[in-house]
């Protein structure tokens, strides 16, 4: 992932906060065998200190690739929007001369995958995920030997992704003048399609923190 200086995370807390705000679905990318394309698996995850927790169905063909090469990439993205050219035209130039772009946030975790296969280990992984996704506790106990989860554990395998590097990108034209960024955020809020609203909020948040871009 290429990151311009103005698109970089302002600090570690920025991407951590963004993940914690509910961005808990991503894409696991795994190296395939020589001559084959990489394998990519969309999945929910739960984050812990220095690791990500996921589980996948045992028949998933990705396991062979992981066992062959445990070095994987996990990508989370969101708050994206297409910005049409006229919104980005320089002052005094025809609107049609503006060049369109995409806005988005993306966080990429470089990880070493550790497979969790023992029943109690998988039960603990599921408990951690349930604590994240159903913190109200409105579910049956997750145990290795009790219903309903105990009998289902044989059908899944767990993954503990040990995070070795993180790269975060917030692409919202932060190198453009303040007036330009504020105007585009207004256009996004007015259009209101898809993730326009979240993209506008990210742009305004970054604008408040950065102000005029200083190389």
N, C-alpha and C. Protein backbone atom coordinates (compact mmCIF):
# COMPACT_ATOMS: atom_id res chain seq x y z
N UNK A 1 0.85 -1.19 0.00
CA UNK A 1 0.00 0.00 0.00
C UNK A 1 0.89 1.24 0.00
N UNK A 2 0.75 2.04 -1.03
CA UNK A 2 1.53 3.28 -1.14
C UNK A 2 0.89 4.36 -0.30
N UNK A 3 1.69 5.05 0.52
CA UNK A 3 1.16 6.08 1.41
C UNK A 3 1.95 7.37 1.21
N UNK A 4 1.28 8.39 0.70
CA UNK A 4 1.89 9.72 0.61
C UNK A 4 2.04 10.29 2.03
N UNK A 5 2.99 11.20 2.24
CA UNK A 5 3.18 11.77 3.58
C UNK A 5 1.90 12.37 4.17
N UNK A 6 1.09 13.01 3.33
CA UNK A 6 -0.12 13.66 3.82
C UNK A 6 -1.27 12.67 4.08
N UNK A 7 -1.10 11.43 3.63
CA UNK A 7 -2.12 10.41 3.87
C UNK A 7 -1.81 9.53 5.07
N UNK A 8 -0.63 9.70 5.67
CA UNK A 8 -0.21 8.83 6.76
C UNK A 8 -1.01 9.11 8.02
N UNK A 9 -1.12 8.09 8.87
CA UNK A 9 -1.75 8.28 10.17
C UNK A 9 -0.98 9.31 10.97
N UNK A 10 -1.69 10.16 11.68
CA UNK A 10 -1.05 11.22 12.46
C UNK A 10 -0.36 10.67 13.69
N UNK A 11 -0.86 9.55 14.19
CA UNK A 11 -0.22 8.86 15.31
C UNK A 11 -0.86 7.48 15.40
N UNK A 12 -0.34 6.66 16.29
CA UNK A 12 -0.85 5.30 16.43
C UNK A 12 -2.28 5.28 16.94
N UNK A 13 -2.62 6.23 17.80
CA UNK A 13 -3.98 6.27 18.35
C UNK A 13 -5.03 6.49 17.27
N UNK A 14 -4.65 7.17 16.17
CA UNK A 14 -5.62 7.46 15.13
C UNK A 14 -6.16 6.18 14.51
N UNK A 15 -5.28 5.29 14.09
CA UNK A 15 -5.78 4.06 13.46
C UNK A 15 -6.38 3.11 14.49
N UNK A 16 -5.84 3.11 15.71
CA UNK A 16 -6.42 2.27 16.76
C UNK A 16 -7.86 2.70 17.06
N UNK A 17 -8.08 3.99 17.15
CA UNK A 17 -9.43 4.50 17.40
C UNK A 17 -10.36 4.14 16.26
N UNK A 18 -9.88 4.28 15.04
CA UNK A 18 -10.71 3.97 13.87
C UNK A 18 -11.12 2.49 13.89
N UNK A 19 -10.20 1.59 14.18
CA UNK A 19 -10.53 0.17 14.28
C UNK A 19 -11.56 -0.06 15.38
N UNK A 20 -11.34 0.57 16.53
CA UNK A 20 -12.22 0.35 17.69
C UNK A 20 -13.62 0.91 17.48
N UNK A 21 -13.78 1.81 16.53
CA UNK A 21 -15.09 2.40 16.28
C UNK A 21 -16.04 1.46 15.53
N UNK A 22 -15.63 0.23 15.33
CA UNK A 22 -16.52 -0.74 14.70
C UNK A 22 -16.04 -1.25 13.36
N UNK A 23 -14.81 -0.94 13.00
CA UNK A 23 -14.25 -1.46 11.75
C UNK A 23 -13.58 -2.80 12.06
N UNK A 24 -14.40 -3.84 12.08
CA UNK A 24 -13.95 -5.16 12.53
C UNK A 24 -14.24 -6.24 11.49
N UNK A 25 -14.19 -5.84 10.22
CA UNK A 25 -14.34 -6.80 9.13
C UNK A 25 -13.25 -6.49 8.12
N UNK A 26 -12.51 -7.52 7.70
CA UNK A 26 -11.40 -7.26 6.79
C UNK A 26 -11.15 -8.41 5.84
N UNK A 27 -10.01 -8.33 5.18
CA UNK A 27 -9.64 -9.31 4.15
C UNK A 27 -8.30 -9.93 4.51
N UNK A 28 -8.33 -11.25 4.73
CA UNK A 28 -7.11 -12.01 5.00
C UNK A 28 -6.49 -12.43 3.67
N UNK A 29 -5.24 -12.05 3.45
CA UNK A 29 -4.53 -12.40 2.21
C UNK A 29 -3.36 -13.31 2.55
N UNK A 30 -3.31 -14.43 1.84
CA UNK A 30 -2.32 -15.47 2.14
C UNK A 30 -1.60 -15.84 0.85
N UNK A 31 -0.29 -16.04 0.94
CA UNK A 31 0.47 -16.45 -0.23
C UNK A 31 0.03 -17.83 -0.69
N UNK A 32 -0.23 -17.96 -1.99
CA UNK A 32 -0.60 -19.25 -2.54
C UNK A 32 0.64 -20.04 -2.95
N UNK A 33 0.46 -21.29 -3.36
CA UNK A 33 1.59 -22.08 -3.87
C UNK A 33 2.21 -21.40 -5.08
N UNK A 34 3.45 -21.72 -5.37
CA UNK A 34 4.14 -21.13 -6.52
C UNK A 34 3.32 -21.37 -7.79
N UNK A 35 3.10 -20.31 -8.54
CA UNK A 35 2.32 -20.40 -9.76
C UNK A 35 0.84 -20.20 -9.58
N UNK A 36 0.41 -20.04 -8.33
CA UNK A 36 -1.01 -19.81 -8.04
C UNK A 36 -1.20 -18.42 -7.46
N UNK A 37 -2.38 -17.84 -7.63
CA UNK A 37 -2.62 -16.52 -7.06
C UNK A 37 -2.74 -16.59 -5.54
N UNK A 38 -2.57 -15.45 -4.85
CA UNK A 38 -2.79 -15.44 -3.40
C UNK A 38 -4.24 -15.80 -3.09
N UNK A 39 -4.46 -16.31 -1.90
CA UNK A 39 -5.82 -16.59 -1.43
C UNK A 39 -6.28 -15.41 -0.60
N UNK A 40 -7.55 -15.03 -0.74
CA UNK A 40 -8.11 -13.90 -0.01
C UNK A 40 -9.43 -14.32 0.62
N UNK A 41 -9.58 -14.06 1.91
CA UNK A 41 -10.76 -14.49 2.65
C UNK A 41 -11.35 -13.31 3.42
N UNK A 42 -12.57 -12.88 3.11
CA UNK A 42 -13.21 -11.83 3.91
C UNK A 42 -13.75 -12.42 5.20
N UNK A 43 -13.55 -11.71 6.31
CA UNK A 43 -13.98 -12.25 7.60
C UNK A 43 -14.00 -11.18 8.69
N UNK A 44 -14.84 -11.40 9.69
CA UNK A 44 -14.81 -10.59 10.90
C UNK A 44 -13.57 -10.95 11.72
N UNK A 45 -13.17 -10.06 12.61
CA UNK A 45 -12.06 -10.33 13.50
C UNK A 45 -12.28 -9.58 14.81
N UNK A 46 -11.59 -10.04 15.83
CA UNK A 46 -11.54 -9.33 17.10
C UNK A 46 -10.08 -9.00 17.38
N UNK A 47 -9.82 -7.77 17.81
CA UNK A 47 -8.46 -7.33 18.04
C UNK A 47 -8.10 -7.44 19.52
N UNK A 48 -6.87 -7.86 19.78
CA UNK A 48 -6.33 -7.89 21.13
C UNK A 48 -4.96 -7.25 21.13
N UNK A 49 -4.31 -7.17 22.26
CA UNK A 49 -2.97 -6.56 22.31
C UNK A 49 -1.97 -7.31 21.43
N UNK A 50 -1.62 -6.72 20.31
CA UNK A 50 -0.61 -7.31 19.44
C UNK A 50 -1.09 -8.45 18.58
N UNK A 51 -2.40 -8.70 18.52
CA UNK A 51 -2.86 -9.80 17.68
C UNK A 51 -4.31 -9.58 17.24
N UNK A 52 -4.69 -10.34 16.21
CA UNK A 52 -6.06 -10.39 15.72
C UNK A 52 -6.54 -11.83 15.84
N UNK A 53 -7.82 -12.01 16.15
CA UNK A 53 -8.39 -13.35 16.30
C UNK A 53 -9.48 -13.56 15.26
N UNK A 54 -9.38 -14.64 14.51
CA UNK A 54 -10.42 -15.00 13.55
C UNK A 54 -10.62 -16.51 13.59
N UNK A 55 -11.71 -16.97 12.99
CA UNK A 55 -11.89 -18.40 12.79
C UNK A 55 -12.53 -18.61 11.43
N UNK A 56 -12.22 -19.75 10.84
CA UNK A 56 -12.72 -20.08 9.50
C UNK A 56 -13.16 -21.54 9.49
N UNK A 57 -13.99 -21.88 8.53
CA UNK A 57 -14.45 -23.26 8.39
C UNK A 57 -13.27 -24.18 8.06
N UNK A 58 -13.30 -25.35 8.63
CA UNK A 58 -12.22 -26.31 8.40
C UNK A 58 -12.04 -26.65 6.91
N UNK A 59 -13.13 -26.75 6.11
CA UNK A 59 -12.92 -27.08 4.69
C UNK A 59 -12.33 -25.93 3.86
N UNK A 60 -12.18 -24.74 4.45
CA UNK A 60 -11.66 -23.61 3.68
C UNK A 60 -10.29 -23.96 3.08
N UNK A 61 -10.11 -23.79 1.79
CA UNK A 61 -8.84 -24.17 1.16
C UNK A 61 -7.66 -23.30 1.57
N UNK A 62 -7.90 -22.23 2.33
CA UNK A 62 -6.82 -21.33 2.70
C UNK A 62 -5.84 -21.97 3.69
N UNK A 63 -6.26 -23.03 4.39
CA UNK A 63 -5.41 -23.62 5.43
C UNK A 63 -4.10 -24.15 4.89
N UNK A 64 -4.15 -24.77 3.73
CA UNK A 64 -2.93 -25.34 3.15
C UNK A 64 -1.92 -24.24 2.87
N UNK A 65 -2.41 -23.11 2.37
CA UNK A 65 -1.50 -22.00 2.07
C UNK A 65 -0.91 -21.43 3.35
N UNK A 66 -1.72 -21.30 4.41
CA UNK A 66 -1.23 -20.77 5.68
C UNK A 66 -0.18 -21.69 6.28
N UNK A 67 -0.41 -22.97 6.24
CA UNK A 67 0.56 -23.92 6.81
C UNK A 67 1.85 -23.94 6.00
N UNK A 68 1.74 -23.62 4.70
CA UNK A 68 2.94 -23.55 3.86
C UNK A 68 3.72 -22.27 4.11
N UNK A 69 2.99 -21.16 4.32
CA UNK A 69 3.64 -19.87 4.58
C UNK A 69 2.76 -19.08 5.55
N UNK A 70 3.15 -18.99 6.83
CA UNK A 70 2.31 -18.33 7.82
C UNK A 70 2.38 -16.80 7.79
N UNK A 71 3.17 -16.22 6.88
CA UNK A 71 3.25 -14.77 6.80
C UNK A 71 2.08 -14.25 5.96
N UNK A 72 1.18 -13.50 6.61
CA UNK A 72 -0.07 -13.10 5.97
C UNK A 72 -0.27 -11.59 6.12
N UNK A 73 -1.24 -11.08 5.37
CA UNK A 73 -1.62 -9.68 5.44
C UNK A 73 -3.11 -9.59 5.71
N UNK A 74 -3.49 -8.74 6.65
CA UNK A 74 -4.91 -8.54 6.95
C UNK A 74 -5.23 -7.07 6.73
N UNK A 75 -6.20 -6.80 5.85
CA UNK A 75 -6.52 -5.43 5.46
C UNK A 75 -7.94 -5.07 5.86
N UNK A 76 -8.07 -3.91 6.50
CA UNK A 76 -9.37 -3.37 6.87
C UNK A 76 -9.52 -2.03 6.16
N UNK A 77 -10.66 -1.80 5.51
CA UNK A 77 -10.85 -0.52 4.82
C UNK A 77 -12.28 -0.05 4.99
N UNK A 78 -12.49 1.24 4.83
CA UNK A 78 -13.83 1.79 4.98
C UNK A 78 -13.84 3.29 4.78
N UNK A 79 -14.98 3.92 5.09
CA UNK A 79 -15.14 5.37 4.96
C UNK A 79 -14.65 5.86 3.60
N UNK A 80 -15.06 5.13 2.55
CA UNK A 80 -14.58 5.45 1.21
C UNK A 80 -15.65 6.15 0.39
N UNK A 81 -15.20 6.93 -0.58
CA UNK A 81 -16.11 7.66 -1.46
C UNK A 81 -15.38 8.03 -2.74
N UNK A 82 -16.11 8.06 -3.85
CA UNK A 82 -15.57 8.57 -5.10
C UNK A 82 -15.79 10.08 -5.14
N UNK A 83 -14.73 10.81 -5.44
CA UNK A 83 -14.79 12.28 -5.50
C UNK A 83 -14.68 12.70 -6.96
N UNK A 84 -15.76 13.21 -7.57
CA UNK A 84 -15.73 13.56 -8.99
C UNK A 84 -14.80 14.74 -9.28
N UNK A 85 -14.34 14.78 -10.52
CA UNK A 85 -13.38 15.80 -10.93
C UNK A 85 -13.80 17.24 -10.66
N UNK A 86 -15.03 17.63 -11.00
CA UNK A 86 -15.41 19.03 -10.79
C UNK A 86 -15.25 19.52 -9.35
N UNK A 87 -15.35 18.60 -8.38
CA UNK A 87 -15.18 19.01 -6.98
C UNK A 87 -13.72 19.36 -6.67
N UNK A 88 -12.80 18.86 -7.51
CA UNK A 88 -11.37 19.05 -7.24
C UNK A 88 -10.70 20.01 -8.21
N UNK A 89 -11.48 20.67 -9.03
CA UNK A 89 -10.89 21.61 -9.98
C UNK A 89 -10.25 22.78 -9.24
N UNK A 90 -9.09 23.22 -9.71
CA UNK A 90 -8.41 24.35 -9.09
C UNK A 90 -9.19 25.64 -9.35
N UNK A 91 -9.14 26.58 -8.43
CA UNK A 91 -9.84 27.85 -8.63
C UNK A 91 -9.42 28.51 -9.94
N UNK A 92 -10.39 29.01 -10.68
CA UNK A 92 -10.11 29.69 -11.93
C UNK A 92 -9.96 28.79 -13.12
N UNK A 93 -10.14 27.46 -12.94
CA UNK A 93 -10.06 26.53 -14.06
C UNK A 93 -11.43 25.93 -14.32
N UNK A 94 -11.69 25.47 -15.54
CA UNK A 94 -12.99 24.86 -15.84
C UNK A 94 -13.24 23.64 -14.94
N UNK A 95 -14.45 23.47 -14.41
CA UNK A 95 -14.75 22.31 -13.55
C UNK A 95 -14.39 20.98 -14.20
N UNK A 96 -14.58 20.89 -15.53
CA UNK A 96 -14.31 19.62 -16.21
C UNK A 96 -12.82 19.27 -16.21
N UNK A 97 -11.96 20.23 -15.89
CA UNK A 97 -10.52 19.96 -15.85
C UNK A 97 -10.09 19.34 -14.51
N UNK A 98 -11.00 19.27 -13.57
CA UNK A 98 -10.66 18.65 -12.29
C UNK A 98 -10.43 17.16 -12.45
N UNK A 99 -9.53 16.63 -11.66
CA UNK A 99 -9.17 15.21 -11.74
C UNK A 99 -9.83 14.47 -10.56
N UNK A 100 -10.63 13.44 -10.84
CA UNK A 100 -11.30 12.71 -9.75
C UNK A 100 -10.33 11.88 -8.93
N UNK A 101 -10.79 11.45 -7.78
CA UNK A 101 -9.97 10.59 -6.92
C UNK A 101 -10.87 9.77 -6.01
N UNK A 102 -10.27 8.91 -5.23
CA UNK A 102 -10.99 8.13 -4.22
C UNK A 102 -10.52 8.57 -2.84
N UNK A 103 -11.47 8.66 -1.92
CA UNK A 103 -11.15 8.86 -0.51
C UNK A 103 -11.37 7.52 0.20
N UNK A 104 -10.54 7.23 1.18
CA UNK A 104 -10.75 6.01 1.97
C UNK A 104 -9.79 5.97 3.15
N UNK A 105 -10.13 5.12 4.09
CA UNK A 105 -9.22 4.75 5.17
C UNK A 105 -8.88 3.27 5.01
N UNK A 106 -7.62 2.93 5.19
CA UNK A 106 -7.20 1.52 5.13
C UNK A 106 -6.13 1.27 6.17
N UNK A 107 -6.25 0.16 6.86
CA UNK A 107 -5.24 -0.27 7.82
C UNK A 107 -4.80 -1.68 7.44
N UNK A 108 -3.51 -1.85 7.24
CA UNK A 108 -2.97 -3.15 6.86
C UNK A 108 -2.09 -3.69 7.98
N UNK A 109 -2.40 -4.91 8.41
CA UNK A 109 -1.64 -5.59 9.44
C UNK A 109 -0.79 -6.68 8.79
N UNK A 110 0.50 -6.60 8.94
CA UNK A 110 1.38 -7.70 8.56
C UNK A 110 1.46 -8.64 9.76
N UNK A 111 1.21 -9.91 9.53
CA UNK A 111 1.06 -10.85 10.66
C UNK A 111 1.78 -12.18 10.40
N UNK A 112 2.03 -12.87 11.50
CA UNK A 112 2.42 -14.28 11.43
C UNK A 112 1.27 -15.07 12.01
N UNK A 113 0.75 -16.00 11.22
CA UNK A 113 -0.45 -16.75 11.59
C UNK A 113 -0.10 -17.97 12.45
N UNK A 114 -0.83 -18.12 13.53
CA UNK A 114 -0.70 -19.29 14.39
C UNK A 114 -2.06 -20.01 14.40
N UNK A 115 -2.07 -21.25 13.95
CA UNK A 115 -3.32 -22.01 13.87
C UNK A 115 -3.70 -22.52 15.26
N UNK A 116 -4.98 -22.36 15.60
CA UNK A 116 -5.51 -22.85 16.88
C UNK A 116 -6.43 -24.02 16.56
N UNK A 117 -6.04 -25.22 17.02
CA UNK A 117 -6.79 -26.42 16.64
C UNK A 117 -7.35 -27.20 17.82
N UNK A 118 -6.81 -27.00 19.03
CA UNK A 118 -7.32 -27.78 20.15
C UNK A 118 -8.66 -27.22 20.60
N UNK A 119 -9.59 -28.05 21.04
CA UNK A 119 -10.95 -27.61 21.36
C UNK A 119 -11.01 -26.47 22.38
N UNK A 120 -10.25 -26.56 23.46
CA UNK A 120 -10.31 -25.50 24.46
C UNK A 120 -9.74 -24.19 23.91
N UNK A 121 -8.69 -24.29 23.12
CA UNK A 121 -8.14 -23.09 22.49
C UNK A 121 -9.13 -22.42 21.57
N UNK A 122 -9.87 -23.22 20.80
CA UNK A 122 -10.89 -22.66 19.91
C UNK A 122 -12.04 -22.07 20.70
N UNK A 123 -12.42 -22.73 21.79
CA UNK A 123 -13.50 -22.21 22.62
C UNK A 123 -13.10 -20.86 23.21
N UNK A 124 -11.86 -20.73 23.67
CA UNK A 124 -11.40 -19.46 24.23
C UNK A 124 -11.38 -18.37 23.16
N UNK A 125 -10.94 -18.73 21.95
CA UNK A 125 -10.95 -17.77 20.84
C UNK A 125 -12.37 -17.29 20.57
N UNK A 126 -13.33 -18.21 20.54
CA UNK A 126 -14.73 -17.82 20.31
C UNK A 126 -15.27 -16.97 21.45
N UNK A 127 -14.86 -17.27 22.68
CA UNK A 127 -15.30 -16.44 23.80
C UNK A 127 -14.79 -15.01 23.65
N UNK A 128 -13.56 -14.88 23.18
CA UNK A 128 -13.00 -13.54 22.97
C UNK A 128 -13.76 -12.82 21.86
N UNK A 129 -14.10 -13.54 20.80
CA UNK A 129 -14.87 -12.91 19.72
C UNK A 129 -16.27 -12.54 20.18
N UNK A 130 -16.90 -13.41 20.92
CA UNK A 130 -18.25 -13.12 21.40
C UNK A 130 -18.25 -11.94 22.36
N UNK A 131 -17.21 -11.81 23.17
CA UNK A 131 -17.11 -10.67 24.08
C UNK A 131 -17.05 -9.37 23.30
N UNK A 132 -16.48 -9.43 22.10
CA UNK A 132 -16.41 -8.24 21.24
C UNK A 132 -17.72 -7.99 20.51
N UNK A 133 -18.27 -9.03 19.89
CA UNK A 133 -19.42 -8.84 19.02
C UNK A 133 -20.76 -8.90 19.76
N UNK A 134 -20.82 -9.63 20.87
CA UNK A 134 -22.04 -9.69 21.68
C UNK A 134 -21.69 -9.44 23.14
N UNK A 135 -21.24 -8.20 23.44
CA UNK A 135 -20.79 -7.91 24.80
C UNK A 135 -21.91 -8.00 25.84
N UNK A 136 -23.17 -7.97 25.38
CA UNK A 136 -24.29 -8.11 26.31
C UNK A 136 -24.35 -9.51 26.92
N UNK A 137 -23.66 -10.45 26.29
CA UNK A 137 -23.65 -11.82 26.81
C UNK A 137 -24.90 -12.60 26.52
N UNK A 138 -25.66 -12.16 25.51
CA UNK A 138 -26.92 -12.83 25.19
C UNK A 138 -26.68 -14.04 24.30
N UNK A 139 -25.90 -14.98 24.81
CA UNK A 139 -25.61 -16.21 24.06
C UNK A 139 -25.32 -17.32 25.06
N UNK A 140 -25.43 -18.54 24.57
CA UNK A 140 -25.13 -19.69 25.42
C UNK A 140 -23.64 -19.70 25.77
N UNK A 141 -23.26 -20.32 26.87
CA UNK A 141 -21.84 -20.42 27.22
C UNK A 141 -21.06 -21.12 26.11
N UNK A 142 -19.88 -20.59 25.83
CA UNK A 142 -19.01 -21.21 24.82
C UNK A 142 -18.02 -22.12 25.55
N UNK A 143 -18.26 -23.40 25.48
CA UNK A 143 -17.38 -24.37 26.12
C UNK A 143 -16.99 -25.43 25.12
N UNK A 144 -15.90 -26.12 25.43
CA UNK A 144 -15.39 -27.13 24.51
C UNK A 144 -16.19 -28.42 24.56
N UNK A 145 -17.00 -28.61 25.61
CA UNK A 145 -17.71 -29.88 25.75
C UNK A 145 -19.21 -29.73 26.00
N UNK A 146 -19.74 -28.51 25.83
CA UNK A 146 -21.16 -28.31 26.06
C UNK A 146 -21.87 -27.75 24.85
N UNK A 147 -23.20 -27.96 24.77
CA UNK A 147 -23.96 -27.44 23.64
C UNK A 147 -24.13 -25.92 23.79
N UNK A 148 -24.37 -25.21 22.68
CA UNK A 148 -24.41 -25.74 21.31
C UNK A 148 -23.05 -25.71 20.62
N UNK A 149 -22.07 -25.03 21.24
CA UNK A 149 -20.81 -24.78 20.53
C UNK A 149 -19.86 -25.97 20.55
N UNK A 150 -19.88 -26.76 21.64
CA UNK A 150 -18.92 -27.85 21.76
C UNK A 150 -18.92 -28.79 20.57
N UNK A 151 -20.11 -29.17 20.12
CA UNK A 151 -20.18 -30.13 19.01
C UNK A 151 -19.83 -29.50 17.66
N UNK A 152 -19.78 -28.15 17.62
CA UNK A 152 -19.50 -27.46 16.36
C UNK A 152 -18.03 -27.13 16.18
N UNK A 153 -17.25 -27.24 17.26
CA UNK A 153 -15.86 -26.80 17.20
C UNK A 153 -15.03 -27.59 16.19
N UNK A 154 -15.39 -28.85 15.98
CA UNK A 154 -14.61 -29.67 15.03
C UNK A 154 -14.72 -29.15 13.61
N UNK A 155 -15.72 -28.32 13.34
CA UNK A 155 -15.93 -27.81 11.99
C UNK A 155 -15.19 -26.53 11.68
N UNK A 156 -14.47 -26.00 12.67
CA UNK A 156 -13.72 -24.75 12.46
C UNK A 156 -12.28 -24.92 12.91
N UNK A 157 -11.45 -23.98 12.46
CA UNK A 157 -10.09 -23.83 12.98
C UNK A 157 -9.91 -22.36 13.32
N UNK A 158 -9.14 -22.09 14.35
CA UNK A 158 -8.91 -20.71 14.75
C UNK A 158 -7.58 -20.19 14.23
N UNK A 159 -7.47 -18.87 14.18
CA UNK A 159 -6.22 -18.22 13.79
C UNK A 159 -5.92 -17.09 14.77
N UNK A 160 -4.75 -17.14 15.32
CA UNK A 160 -4.24 -16.01 16.10
C UNK A 160 -3.18 -15.34 15.23
N UNK A 161 -3.49 -14.13 14.77
CA UNK A 161 -2.58 -13.42 13.88
C UNK A 161 -1.70 -12.49 14.71
N UNK A 162 -0.46 -12.87 14.86
CA UNK A 162 0.51 -12.07 15.61
C UNK A 162 0.94 -10.89 14.72
N UNK A 163 0.61 -9.67 15.15
CA UNK A 163 0.87 -8.48 14.34
C UNK A 163 2.35 -8.10 14.45
N UNK A 164 3.02 -8.02 13.31
CA UNK A 164 4.43 -7.64 13.29
C UNK A 164 4.65 -6.24 12.72
N UNK A 165 3.65 -5.71 12.01
CA UNK A 165 3.77 -4.36 11.46
C UNK A 165 2.37 -3.84 11.11
N UNK A 166 2.19 -2.54 11.21
CA UNK A 166 0.91 -1.92 10.87
C UNK A 166 1.18 -0.70 9.99
N UNK A 167 0.43 -0.59 8.90
CA UNK A 167 0.50 0.58 8.03
C UNK A 167 -0.92 1.11 7.85
N UNK A 168 -1.08 2.40 8.11
CA UNK A 168 -2.41 3.00 8.05
C UNK A 168 -2.42 4.18 7.08
N UNK A 169 -3.52 4.30 6.35
CA UNK A 169 -3.64 5.35 5.35
C UNK A 169 -5.00 6.03 5.48
N UNK A 170 -4.99 7.36 5.55
CA UNK A 170 -6.21 8.16 5.59
C UNK A 170 -6.14 9.11 4.40
N UNK A 171 -6.77 8.73 3.29
CA UNK A 171 -6.62 9.46 2.03
C UNK A 171 -7.81 10.41 1.85
N UNK A 172 -7.61 11.68 2.26
CA UNK A 172 -8.70 12.66 2.19
C UNK A 172 -8.21 14.03 1.72
N UNK A 173 -7.25 14.04 0.79
CA UNK A 173 -6.77 15.31 0.20
C UNK A 173 -6.19 16.27 1.23
N UNK A 174 -5.50 15.75 2.23
CA UNK A 174 -5.00 16.63 3.28
C UNK A 174 -3.91 17.59 2.82
N UNK A 175 -3.36 17.38 1.63
CA UNK A 175 -2.36 18.31 1.11
C UNK A 175 -3.00 19.48 0.38
N UNK A 176 -4.32 19.44 0.20
CA UNK A 176 -5.04 20.52 -0.48
C UNK A 176 -5.33 21.66 0.50
N UNK A 177 -5.63 22.86 -0.03
CA UNK A 177 -5.95 23.99 0.86
C UNK A 177 -7.15 23.68 1.76
N UNK A 178 -7.19 24.36 2.90
CA UNK A 178 -8.27 24.17 3.86
C UNK A 178 -9.62 24.38 3.21
N UNK A 179 -9.76 25.44 2.41
CA UNK A 179 -11.05 25.75 1.78
C UNK A 179 -11.49 24.64 0.84
N UNK A 180 -10.54 24.05 0.13
CA UNK A 180 -10.87 22.96 -0.79
C UNK A 180 -11.40 21.76 -0.02
N UNK A 181 -10.72 21.38 1.05
CA UNK A 181 -11.12 20.20 1.82
C UNK A 181 -12.49 20.41 2.47
N UNK A 182 -12.72 21.60 2.99
CA UNK A 182 -14.01 21.89 3.60
C UNK A 182 -15.13 21.84 2.56
N UNK A 183 -14.85 22.34 1.35
CA UNK A 183 -15.87 22.33 0.29
C UNK A 183 -16.19 20.90 -0.13
N UNK A 184 -15.17 20.06 -0.29
CA UNK A 184 -15.42 18.68 -0.70
C UNK A 184 -16.20 17.94 0.37
N UNK A 185 -15.86 18.16 1.63
CA UNK A 185 -16.62 17.52 2.71
C UNK A 185 -18.08 17.93 2.64
N UNK A 186 -18.33 19.19 2.32
CA UNK A 186 -19.70 19.65 2.17
C UNK A 186 -20.41 18.98 1.01
N UNK A 187 -19.71 18.81 -0.11
CA UNK A 187 -20.29 18.11 -1.26
C UNK A 187 -20.64 16.67 -0.89
N UNK A 188 -19.74 16.00 -0.17
CA UNK A 188 -20.00 14.61 0.22
C UNK A 188 -21.23 14.52 1.12
N UNK A 189 -21.31 15.41 2.10
CA UNK A 189 -22.45 15.39 3.01
C UNK A 189 -23.75 15.67 2.25
N UNK A 190 -23.69 16.55 1.29
CA UNK A 190 -24.90 16.88 0.52
C UNK A 190 -25.30 15.72 -0.39
N UNK A 191 -24.32 15.06 -1.02
CA UNK A 191 -24.65 13.94 -1.91
C UNK A 191 -25.23 12.78 -1.11
N UNK A 192 -24.60 12.42 0.00
CA UNK A 192 -25.16 11.47 0.94
C UNK A 192 -25.38 10.06 0.42
N UNK A 193 -24.54 9.61 -0.48
CA UNK A 193 -24.68 8.25 -1.00
C UNK A 193 -23.64 7.33 -0.34
N UNK A 194 -24.01 6.06 -0.17
CA UNK A 194 -23.05 5.08 0.34
C UNK A 194 -22.38 5.54 1.62
N UNK A 195 -21.06 5.62 1.59
CA UNK A 195 -20.29 6.03 2.76
C UNK A 195 -19.84 7.48 2.66
N UNK A 196 -20.58 8.30 1.90
CA UNK A 196 -20.23 9.73 1.78
C UNK A 196 -20.17 10.41 3.14
N UNK A 197 -21.15 10.12 4.00
CA UNK A 197 -21.19 10.75 5.31
C UNK A 197 -19.97 10.43 6.15
N UNK A 198 -19.63 9.14 6.33
CA UNK A 198 -18.42 8.80 7.08
C UNK A 198 -17.15 9.37 6.45
N UNK A 199 -17.07 9.39 5.11
CA UNK A 199 -15.89 9.97 4.46
C UNK A 199 -15.79 11.45 4.76
N UNK A 200 -16.91 12.16 4.73
CA UNK A 200 -16.91 13.59 5.06
C UNK A 200 -16.47 13.82 6.50
N UNK A 201 -16.92 12.97 7.41
CA UNK A 201 -16.54 13.12 8.82
C UNK A 201 -15.04 12.89 9.00
N UNK A 202 -14.48 11.90 8.29
CA UNK A 202 -13.05 11.68 8.38
C UNK A 202 -12.28 12.88 7.84
N UNK A 203 -12.75 13.43 6.72
CA UNK A 203 -12.05 14.58 6.15
C UNK A 203 -12.09 15.77 7.09
N UNK A 204 -13.23 16.03 7.69
CA UNK A 204 -13.36 17.16 8.61
C UNK A 204 -12.54 16.93 9.88
N UNK A 205 -12.51 15.69 10.36
CA UNK A 205 -11.72 15.38 11.56
C UNK A 205 -10.25 15.63 11.30
N UNK A 206 -9.77 15.15 10.16
CA UNK A 206 -8.36 15.35 9.81
C UNK A 206 -8.08 16.84 9.59
N UNK A 207 -9.01 17.53 8.98
CA UNK A 207 -8.84 18.97 8.74
C UNK A 207 -8.69 19.71 10.07
N UNK A 208 -9.50 19.34 11.06
CA UNK A 208 -9.42 19.99 12.36
C UNK A 208 -8.06 19.75 13.02
N UNK A 209 -7.50 18.57 12.82
CA UNK A 209 -6.22 18.25 13.45
C UNK A 209 -5.03 18.83 12.70
N UNK A 210 -5.11 18.78 11.37
CA UNK A 210 -3.95 19.16 10.55
C UNK A 210 -3.95 20.65 10.22
N UNK A 211 -5.13 21.18 9.88
CA UNK A 211 -5.18 22.54 9.37
C UNK A 211 -4.45 22.60 8.03
N UNK A 212 -3.81 23.72 7.70
CA UNK A 212 -3.04 23.77 6.44
C UNK A 212 -1.91 22.75 6.45
N UNK A 213 -1.77 22.02 5.35
CA UNK A 213 -0.74 20.99 5.27
C UNK A 213 0.64 21.64 5.24
N UNK A 214 1.53 21.14 6.09
CA UNK A 214 2.93 21.61 6.12
C UNK A 214 3.83 20.42 5.89
N UNK A 215 4.54 20.38 4.75
CA UNK A 215 5.42 19.24 4.44
C UNK A 215 6.45 19.01 5.54
